[in-house]
Amino acid sequence: MPLLGNTMDHEVLGRENKKGLQEGREEGLREGVTWGELKLLRHVVQRRFGPIPDWASQQLNNRSPQDIEALTDLVLECSSLNELLARLKPALSSRR
């Protein structure tokens, strides 16, 4: 039997569509927050240590929210970008 009309009004499909939309919004919000935190981290790193080389930029990208938070703490403790990146793995593994 073909579906006619708006599937959002359908008893089963509507419920599933709404659930999918809500999950999509939540995932998008999490990704947006993570992107914003990473942008702020990169800004602080650049202000503290100067321009971020490509090799260091790659190490900062694609981090989890927990990693980004740990790195933000480390920025305040380190005196150079090299020190920050050298301490990166030990600090992240000890916080998990």
C-alpha atoms as a PDB file:
ATOM      1  CA  MET A   1       0.000   0.000   0.000  1.00  0.00           C
ATOM      2  CA  PRO A   2       1.580   3.310  -1.022  1.00  0.00           C
ATOM      3  CA  LEU A   3       2.048   6.060   1.510  1.00  0.00           C
ATOM      4  CA  LEU A   4       0.131   9.208   0.749  1.00  0.00           C
ATOM      5  CA  GLY A   5       0.643  12.510   2.474  1.00  0.00           C
ATOM      6  CA  ASN A   6       3.174  13.520   5.065  1.00  0.00           C
ATOM      7  CA  THR A   7       5.075  10.610   6.603  1.00  0.00           C
ATOM      8  CA  MET A   8       5.542  12.661   9.766  1.00  0.00           C
ATOM      9  CA  ASP A   9       1.827  12.134  10.402  1.00  0.00           C
ATOM     10  CA  HIS A  10       2.113   8.368   9.998  1.00  0.00           C
ATOM     11  CA  GLU A  11       1.789   6.486  13.297  1.00  0.00           C
ATOM     12  CA  VAL A  12       4.991   4.437  12.940  1.00  0.00           C
ATOM     13  CA  LEU A  13       7.005   6.269  10.292  1.00  0.00           C
ATOM     14  CA  GLY A  14       6.275   9.636  11.841  1.00  0.00           C
ATOM     15  CA  ARG A  15       7.555   8.502  15.222  1.00  0.00           C
ATOM     16  CA  GLU A  16      10.708   7.058  13.653  1.00  0.00           C
ATOM     17  CA  ASN A  17      11.259  10.149  11.495  1.00  0.00           C
ATOM     18  CA  LYS A  18      10.926  12.408  14.524  1.00  0.00           C
ATOM     19  CA  LYS A  19      13.310  10.190  16.506  1.00  0.00           C
ATOM     20  CA  GLY A  20      15.842  10.335  13.651  1.00  0.00           C
ATOM     21  CA  LEU A  21      15.537  14.098  13.386  1.00  0.00           C
ATOM     22  CA  GLN A  22      16.092  14.509  17.123  1.00  0.00           C
ATOM     23  CA  GLU A  23      19.131  12.221  17.059  1.00  0.00           C
ATOM     24  CA  GLY A  24      20.500  14.173  14.101  1.00  0.00           C
ATOM     25  CA  ARG A  25      20.054  17.473  15.932  1.00  0.00           C
ATOM     26  CA  GLU A  26      21.793  16.126  19.025  1.00  0.00           C
ATOM     27  CA  GLU A  27      24.701  14.742  16.998  1.00  0.00           C
ATOM     28  CA  GLY A  28      25.016  18.024  15.100  1.00  0.00           C
ATOM     29  CA  LEU A  29      25.042  19.956  18.364  1.00  0.00           C
ATOM     30  CA  ARG A  30      27.786  17.721  19.809  1.00  0.00           C
ATOM     31  CA  GLU A  31      29.860  18.113  16.655  1.00  0.00           C
ATOM     32  CA  GLY A  32      29.337  21.876  16.713  1.00  0.00           C
ATOM     33  CA  VAL A  33      30.428  22.126  20.340  1.00  0.00           C
ATOM     34  CA  THR A  34      33.505  20.003  19.635  1.00  0.00           C
ATOM     35  CA  TRP A  35      34.350  22.124  16.584  1.00  0.00           C
ATOM     36  CA  GLY A  36      34.022  25.298  18.689  1.00  0.00           C
ATOM     37  CA  GLU A  37      36.204  23.886  21.454  1.00  0.00           C
ATOM     38  CA  LEU A  38      38.849  22.859  18.929  1.00  0.00           C
ATOM     39  CA  LYS A  39      38.721  26.313  17.344  1.00  0.00           C
ATOM     40  CA  LEU A  40      39.247  27.911  20.759  1.00  0.00           C
ATOM     41  CA  LEU A  41      42.100  25.506  21.575  1.00  0.00           C
ATOM     42  CA  ARG A  42      43.809  26.315  18.283  1.00  0.00           C
ATOM     43  CA  HIS A  43      43.384  30.028  18.976  1.00  0.00           C
ATOM     44  CA  VAL A  44      44.922  29.732  22.458  1.00  0.00           C
ATOM     45  CA  VAL A  45      47.790  27.579  21.164  1.00  0.00           C
ATOM     46  CA  GLN A  46      48.504  30.109  18.424  1.00  0.00           C
ATOM     47  CA  ARG A  47      48.360  33.066  20.813  1.00  0.00           C
ATOM     48  CA  ARG A  48      50.684  31.341  23.273  1.00  0.00           C
ATOM     49  CA  PHE A  49      53.176  29.689  20.903  1.00  0.00           C
ATOM     50  CA  GLY A  50      52.778  31.486  17.562  1.00  0.00           C
ATOM     51  CA  PRO A  51      51.677  30.067  14.221  1.00  0.00           C
ATOM     52  CA  ILE A  52      50.836  26.361  14.314  1.00  0.00           C
ATOM     53  CA  PRO A  53      52.884  24.332  11.807  1.00  0.00           C
ATOM     54  CA  ASP A  54      50.978  21.889   9.596  1.00  0.00           C
ATOM     55  CA  TRP A  55      52.476  18.852  11.331  1.00  0.00           C
ATOM     56  CA  ALA A  56      51.294  20.160  14.727  1.00  0.00           C
ATOM     57  CA  SER A  57      47.912  21.176  13.344  1.00  0.00           C
ATOM     58  CA  GLN A  58      47.321  17.606  12.219  1.00  0.00           C
ATOM     59  CA  GLN A  59      48.021  16.385  15.748  1.00  0.00           C
ATOM     60  CA  LEU A  60      45.425  18.789  17.166  1.00  0.00           C
ATOM     61  CA  ASN A  61      42.693  17.912  14.667  1.00  0.00           C
ATOM     62  CA  ASN A  62      40.177  15.107  15.116  1.00  0.00           C
ATOM     63  CA  ARG A  63      40.461  15.006  18.902  1.00  0.00           C
ATOM     64  CA  SER A  64      37.625  13.936  21.186  1.00  0.00           C
ATOM     65  CA  PRO A  65      36.033  16.508  23.487  1.00  0.00           C
ATOM     66  CA  GLN A  66      37.933  14.934  26.402  1.00  0.00           C
ATOM     67  CA  ASP A  67      41.228  15.224  24.524  1.00  0.00           C
ATOM     68  CA  ILE A  68      40.520  18.858  23.676  1.00  0.00           C
ATOM     69  CA  GLU A  69      39.840  19.623  27.336  1.00  0.00           C
ATOM     70  CA  ALA A  70      43.067  17.910  28.409  1.00  0.00           C
ATOM     71  CA  LEU A  71      45.027  19.809  25.759  1.00  0.00           C
ATOM     72  CA  THR A  72      43.520  23.082  26.925  1.00  0.00           C
ATOM     73  CA  ASP A  73      44.806  22.383  30.437  1.00  0.00           C
ATOM     74  CA  LEU A  74      48.230  21.476  29.066  1.00  0.00           C
ATOM     75  CA  VAL A  75      48.481  24.717  27.076  1.00  0.00           C
ATOM     76  CA  LEU A  76      48.511  26.578  30.366  1.00  0.00           C
ATOM     77  CA  GLU A  77      51.264  24.362  31.792  1.00  0.00           C
ATOM     78  CA  CYS A  78      53.627  24.111  28.809  1.00  0.00           C
ATOM     79  CA  SER A  79      56.223  26.648  27.763  1.00  0.00           C
ATOM     80  CA  SER A  80      56.443  25.602  24.088  1.00  0.00           C
ATOM     81  CA  LEU A  81      54.455  23.890  21.361  1.00  0.00           C
ATOM     82  CA  ASN A  82      56.991  21.066  21.310  1.00  0.00           C
ATOM     83  CA  GLU A  83      56.514  20.513  25.043  1.00  0.00           C
ATOM     84  CA  LEU A  84      52.729  20.513  24.608  1.00  0.00           C
ATOM     85  CA  LEU A  85      52.868  17.892  21.887  1.00  0.00           C
ATOM     86  CA  ALA A  86      55.488  15.829  23.744  1.00  0.00           C
ATOM     87  CA  ARG A  87      53.201  15.717  26.788  1.00  0.00           C
ATOM     88  CA  LEU A  88      50.116  15.092  24.667  1.00  0.00           C
ATOM     89  CA  LYS A  89      49.947  11.296  24.785  1.00  0.00           C
ATOM     90  CA  PRO A  90      50.846  10.775  28.463  1.00  0.00           C
ATOM     91  CA  ALA A  91      48.342  13.395  29.615  1.00  0.00           C
ATOM     92  CA  LEU A  92      45.536  12.026  27.475  1.00  0.00           C
ATOM     93  CA  SER A  93      46.048   8.422  28.477  1.00  0.00           C
ATOM     94  CA  SER A  94      46.198   9.302  32.181  1.00  0.00           C
ATOM     95  CA  ARG A  95      42.866  11.167  32.005  1.00  0.00           C
ATOM     96  CA  ARG A  96      40.902   8.264  30.480  1.00  0.00           C
END
